[in-house]
Protein backbone atom coordinates (compact mmCIF):
# COMPACT_ATOMS: atom_id res chain seq x y z
CA MET A 1 151.25 -73.30 -127.74
CA SER A 2 148.99 -71.08 -129.83
CA THR A 3 148.18 -68.71 -126.95
CA GLN A 4 151.84 -67.62 -126.84
CA MET A 5 151.22 -65.76 -130.10
CA LEU A 6 148.14 -63.99 -128.70
CA ALA A 7 148.52 -60.26 -128.07
CA PRO A 8 146.16 -57.37 -127.34
CA ARG A 9 143.92 -56.38 -130.24
CA PRO A 10 145.16 -53.30 -132.13
CA GLU A 11 143.17 -50.13 -131.54
CA LYS A 12 142.81 -49.82 -135.31
CA LEU A 13 142.93 -52.74 -137.72
CA SER A 14 145.15 -52.55 -140.77
CA LEU A 15 143.65 -51.51 -144.09
CA GLY A 16 144.21 -54.99 -145.49
CA GLU A 17 142.35 -56.63 -142.62
CA ARG A 18 139.47 -54.18 -142.87
CA ILE A 19 139.12 -54.91 -146.57
CA THR A 20 139.27 -58.66 -145.89
CA ASN A 21 136.51 -58.29 -143.32
CA VAL A 22 134.21 -56.36 -145.61
CA ALA A 23 134.89 -58.37 -148.76
CA LEU A 24 135.29 -61.89 -147.40
CA ARG A 25 134.80 -62.61 -143.71
CA ALA A 26 131.53 -60.79 -143.01
CA PRO A 27 129.77 -62.02 -146.21
CA ALA A 28 130.95 -65.58 -145.52
CA ILE A 29 129.65 -65.60 -141.94
CA LEU A 30 126.35 -63.92 -142.82
CA GLY A 31 125.89 -66.26 -145.77
CA ALA A 32 126.66 -69.35 -143.68
CA THR A 33 124.21 -68.17 -141.00
CA ALA A 34 121.44 -67.68 -143.56
CA VAL A 35 122.06 -70.98 -145.37
CA PHE A 36 122.53 -73.22 -142.35
CA GLY A 37 119.79 -71.42 -140.41
CA SER A 38 117.35 -72.15 -143.22
CA LEU A 39 118.47 -75.79 -143.35
CA SER A 40 117.96 -76.06 -139.60
CA LEU A 41 114.41 -74.75 -139.93
CA LEU A 42 113.67 -77.31 -142.64
CA ALA A 43 115.16 -80.11 -140.55
CA SER A 44 112.98 -79.11 -137.60
CA LEU A 45 109.90 -79.90 -139.68
CA VAL A 46 110.79 -83.57 -140.13
CA GLU A 47 112.66 -84.62 -136.98
CA LYS A 48 111.97 -84.66 -133.25
CA ASP A 49 115.28 -85.54 -131.60
CA GLY A 50 117.29 -82.59 -132.97
CA LYS A 51 120.19 -84.68 -134.35
CA TRP A 52 120.07 -83.17 -137.82
CA GLN A 53 119.70 -79.67 -136.47
CA HIS A 54 122.68 -80.17 -134.21
CA ARG A 55 124.83 -81.45 -137.08
CA ILE A 56 123.76 -78.47 -139.16
CA ALA A 57 124.68 -76.15 -136.26
CA GLN A 58 128.11 -77.80 -136.06
CA ARG A 59 128.72 -77.22 -139.75
CA TRP A 60 127.56 -73.61 -139.45
CA ALA A 61 129.92 -73.14 -136.52
CA ARG A 62 132.91 -74.62 -138.34
CA ALA A 63 132.20 -72.44 -141.36
CA CYS A 64 132.06 -69.32 -139.14
CA VAL A 65 135.29 -70.18 -137.33
CA ALA A 66 137.07 -70.84 -140.62
CA ALA A 67 135.76 -67.59 -142.12
CA SER A 68 136.86 -65.60 -139.06
CA GLY A 69 140.50 -66.47 -139.61
CA GLY A 70 140.83 -67.71 -136.02
CA ARG A 71 143.13 -70.75 -135.75
CA LEU A 72 141.43 -73.02 -133.23
CA THR A 73 143.30 -75.29 -130.80
CA VAL A 74 141.64 -77.56 -128.20
CA LEU A 75 143.62 -78.53 -125.10
CA HIS A 76 142.59 -81.64 -123.13
CA GLY A 77 139.90 -82.49 -125.66
CA GLU A 78 139.89 -86.05 -124.32
CA ARG A 79 137.89 -84.70 -121.37
CA LEU A 80 134.98 -83.91 -123.71
CA LYS A 81 133.24 -87.22 -123.19
CA PRO A 82 129.62 -87.85 -124.24
CA GLN A 83 128.33 -87.75 -120.67
CA VAL A 84 125.35 -85.96 -119.18
CA ALA A 85 126.88 -82.90 -117.54
CA VAL A 86 126.73 -79.12 -117.36
CA TYR A 87 129.52 -77.65 -119.48
CA ALA A 88 130.42 -74.09 -118.42
CA CYS A 89 132.75 -71.60 -120.10
CA ASN A 90 133.76 -67.93 -119.85
CA HIS A 91 132.08 -65.58 -122.34
CA LEU A 92 134.24 -63.19 -124.38
CA SER A 93 132.62 -62.71 -127.76
CA TYR A 94 129.82 -63.51 -130.20
CA MET A 95 132.34 -65.95 -131.70
CA ASP A 96 132.25 -68.09 -128.55
CA THR A 97 129.12 -69.95 -129.60
CA PRO A 98 130.51 -71.03 -133.01
CA VAL A 99 133.71 -72.21 -131.30
CA ILE A 100 131.74 -74.26 -128.77
CA PHE A 101 129.44 -75.81 -131.38
CA SER A 102 132.40 -76.64 -133.61
CA THR A 103 134.30 -78.28 -130.74
CA LEU A 104 131.97 -80.31 -128.51
CA PRO A 105 131.78 -83.75 -130.20
CA PHE A 106 128.29 -84.68 -129.02
CA GLN A 107 124.76 -83.35 -129.08
CA PHE A 108 123.88 -80.86 -126.34
CA ARG A 109 121.54 -77.98 -125.60
CA ILE A 110 122.57 -74.46 -124.64
CA VAL A 111 121.15 -72.27 -121.89
CA ALA A 112 121.50 -68.68 -123.07
CA ARG A 113 120.16 -65.16 -122.66
CA HIS A 114 116.64 -64.79 -124.08
CA ASP A 115 117.78 -61.83 -126.20
CA LEU A 116 119.39 -64.22 -128.70
CA TRP A 117 115.97 -65.63 -129.57
CA LYS A 118 115.16 -62.28 -131.23
CA MET A 119 117.94 -62.59 -133.83
CA PRO A 120 117.03 -63.72 -137.37
CA PHE A 121 118.07 -67.29 -138.27
CA ILE A 122 120.05 -67.80 -135.04
CA GLY A 123 117.00 -67.16 -132.87
CA TRP A 124 114.83 -69.29 -135.12
CA HIS A 125 117.28 -72.17 -134.83
CA LEU A 126 117.47 -71.79 -131.05
CA GLU A 127 113.68 -71.92 -130.75
CA ARG A 128 113.12 -74.84 -133.13
CA SER A 129 116.02 -76.95 -131.83
CA GLY A 130 114.97 -76.94 -128.19
CA GLN A 131 117.59 -74.65 -126.68
CA ILE A 132 116.72 -73.03 -123.34
CA PRO A 133 116.33 -69.24 -122.95
CA VAL A 134 116.96 -67.56 -119.60
CA ASN A 135 115.91 -64.03 -118.71
CA VAL A 136 118.49 -63.07 -116.08
CA ASP A 137 116.67 -59.77 -115.50
CA ASN A 138 113.50 -61.55 -114.39
CA PRO A 139 114.08 -63.87 -111.39
CA ARG A 140 110.72 -65.64 -111.76
CA ALA A 141 111.33 -66.38 -115.45
CA SER A 142 114.89 -67.42 -114.66
CA ILE A 143 113.70 -69.98 -112.10
CA ALA A 144 111.27 -71.49 -114.60
CA SER A 145 113.98 -71.71 -117.26
CA LEU A 146 116.48 -73.35 -114.94
CA SER A 147 113.88 -75.86 -113.85
CA SER A 148 113.30 -76.69 -117.52
CA ALA A 149 117.05 -77.09 -117.94
CA VAL A 150 117.17 -79.53 -115.03
CA ARG A 151 114.48 -81.62 -116.70
CA THR A 152 116.57 -81.63 -119.88
CA LEU A 153 119.57 -82.94 -117.94
CA LYS A 154 117.50 -85.63 -116.26
CA SER A 155 116.23 -86.73 -119.67
CA GLY A 156 119.85 -87.51 -120.63
CA MET A 157 120.83 -84.41 -122.63
CA PRO A 158 124.05 -82.48 -121.74
CA LEU A 159 123.80 -78.71 -121.33
CA PHE A 160 126.17 -75.84 -122.08
CA ILE A 161 126.05 -72.42 -120.38
CA PHE A 162 128.04 -69.18 -120.01
CA PRO A 163 128.03 -68.54 -116.21
CA GLU A 164 128.75 -64.81 -116.62
CA GLY A 165 125.40 -64.27 -118.33
CA GLY A 166 126.93 -61.94 -120.92
CA ARG A 167 130.13 -61.03 -122.74
CA THR A 168 133.06 -59.47 -120.90
CA ARG A 169 133.96 -55.88 -121.77
CA ASP A 170 137.68 -55.99 -120.94
CA GLY A 171 138.71 -59.62 -121.45
CA HIS A 172 138.65 -60.44 -117.73
CA LEU A 173 136.20 -62.83 -116.12
CA ALA A 174 133.01 -61.24 -114.80
CA PRO A 175 131.19 -62.50 -111.69
CA PHE A 176 129.34 -65.77 -112.19
CA LEU A 177 125.64 -66.41 -111.85
CA ASN A 178 124.59 -69.44 -109.82
CA GLY A 179 122.66 -71.12 -112.64
CA PRO A 180 125.26 -73.77 -113.61
CA ALA A 181 125.76 -74.89 -110.01
CA PHE A 182 122.01 -74.86 -109.40
CA MET A 183 121.37 -77.11 -112.41
CA ALA A 184 124.25 -79.49 -111.73
CA ILE A 185 123.27 -80.03 -108.09
CA ARG A 186 119.58 -80.41 -108.85
CA ALA A 187 120.24 -82.94 -111.61
CA GLN A 188 123.19 -84.53 -109.78
CA VAL A 189 125.48 -84.39 -112.82
CA PRO A 190 129.13 -83.30 -113.18
CA LEU A 191 130.06 -79.67 -113.83
CA VAL A 192 132.75 -79.36 -116.51
CA PRO A 193 134.79 -76.09 -116.51
CA MET A 194 136.17 -74.79 -119.80
CA ALA A 195 138.02 -71.63 -120.81
CA LEU A 196 138.10 -69.78 -124.12
CA ILE A 197 141.16 -67.70 -124.93
CA GLY A 198 141.45 -65.39 -127.94
CA THR A 199 137.85 -64.73 -128.94
CA HIS A 200 137.91 -61.37 -127.11
CA GLU A 201 140.78 -60.29 -129.36
CA LEU A 202 139.03 -61.87 -132.35
CA LEU A 203 135.75 -59.99 -131.88
CA PRO A 204 135.26 -58.07 -128.61
CA ILE A 205 131.92 -56.70 -127.50
CA HIS A 206 130.71 -53.76 -129.64
CA ALA A 207 133.38 -54.42 -132.29
CA GLY A 208 132.20 -54.62 -135.87
CA GLN A 209 135.20 -56.33 -137.47
CA LEU A 210 137.21 -59.49 -136.90
CA HIS A 211 140.92 -59.58 -136.08
CA ALA A 212 142.37 -63.00 -136.96
CA VAL A 213 144.17 -64.46 -133.91
CA PRO A 214 144.83 -67.90 -132.42
CA VAL A 215 141.84 -69.19 -130.43
CA THR A 216 142.18 -71.84 -127.73
CA LEU A 217 139.59 -73.86 -125.82
CA VAL A 218 140.96 -75.46 -122.65
CA VAL A 219 138.87 -78.21 -121.04
CA GLY A 220 139.18 -78.70 -117.29
CA GLU A 221 138.63 -81.71 -115.06
CA PRO A 222 134.93 -82.45 -114.34
CA ILE A 223 133.71 -81.39 -110.91
CA ASP A 224 131.75 -84.10 -109.08
CA THR A 225 128.57 -82.56 -107.62
CA SER A 226 127.18 -85.70 -105.96
CA THR A 227 128.17 -84.54 -102.47
CA TYR A 228 126.79 -81.00 -102.85
CA THR A 229 123.40 -79.85 -101.56
CA MET A 230 121.32 -76.87 -102.63
CA LYS A 231 122.68 -74.98 -99.64
CA GLN A 232 126.12 -75.14 -101.27
CA VAL A 233 125.24 -73.47 -104.57
CA ASN A 234 127.47 -70.47 -103.80
CA GLU A 235 130.32 -72.75 -102.76
CA LEU A 236 130.10 -74.72 -106.00
CA THR A 237 129.86 -71.50 -108.04
CA GLU A 238 133.06 -70.24 -106.42
CA ARG A 239 134.77 -73.55 -107.17
CA LEU A 240 133.66 -73.33 -110.80
CA TYR A 241 134.87 -69.73 -111.04
CA THR A 242 138.28 -70.66 -109.64
CA ALA A 243 138.60 -73.61 -112.03
CA ILE A 244 137.77 -71.51 -115.11
CA ALA A 245 139.96 -68.63 -113.91
CA ASP A 246 142.89 -71.03 -113.48
CA LEU A 247 142.41 -72.32 -117.03
CA TYR A 248 141.93 -68.87 -118.53
CA TYR A 249 144.69 -66.90 -116.84
CA GLY A 250 147.06 -69.82 -117.26
CA HIS A 251 146.84 -69.47 -121.05
CA THR A 252 146.43 -65.75 -121.77
CA TYR A 253 148.69 -62.70 -121.70
CA LEU A 254 146.31 -60.96 -119.27
CA THR A 255 147.33 -60.70 -115.62
CA ARG A 256 144.94 -62.26 -113.15
CA PRO A 257 143.30 -59.60 -110.96
CA ALA A 258 144.53 -59.51 -107.38
CA VAL A 259 140.98 -59.25 -106.03
CA GLU A 260 138.24 -61.28 -107.64
CA SER A 261 134.49 -61.28 -107.07
CA PRO A 262 133.43 -64.73 -108.30
CA VAL A 263 129.78 -64.94 -107.31
CA LEU A 264 126.79 -62.85 -108.31
CA GLN A 265 123.81 -63.84 -106.17
CA GLU A 266 121.03 -65.30 -108.28
CA ALA A 267 117.40 -65.79 -107.33
CA ALA A 268 117.59 -69.47 -108.32
CA GLU A 269 120.02 -70.13 -105.47
CA SER A 270 117.35 -69.50 -102.87
CA GLN A 271 114.89 -71.91 -104.44
CA ASN A 272 115.15 -75.43 -103.08
């Protein structure tokens, strides 16, 4: 399995890898972002359903993953069925989004931090392609965004979200927000846990250069939410956390913490 070759990122990259980053990897990723971002903007002028934009995003993502040097493996990919569901995954790196877009074999929308909408090309694509921003620092805005996400699910469009609300600093799972459980219960759709392994070593938070390592996406069994009520948002969030933690720590060199804090109370949980 590819994760057996994964090891902690070196404190200092080799000279050869630093040169490769500056001369090849960074220009390739920036160039792909500019080119495909521009194509996405053009597509948004002539289509309404977002199919072209999504295909363009997939090609951008595959180009970025290839340029990064990360060798991508998907485990249990047969569970990625084109069903209306909330797909949730741990968040390790800026490279997580390209991996997700390059892997999920159907059109979906992402629910992500509003900060990303300020980034050139990426933010423009997010805005024009109907993705859903969430301001986790503003409970009132967060409620409105999650309600919009529920409407998207009920219209028949799958959603993807990072439950931690931001990238991890040490490679371990951070507490989860209640947004994914809130949306899945409200829309009465399955909640699909997934785990990314390797992108933290590939490009951790605040790092400026890539370190080519194996990257794995593990897809878990869908969680049926049809028997849950809005009073059980915390319970479902804990179940999601446990499912993703099992997938993640079962495929990484990191040791699972003895004490975990899976739930971070979110204002949306109290809204029924």
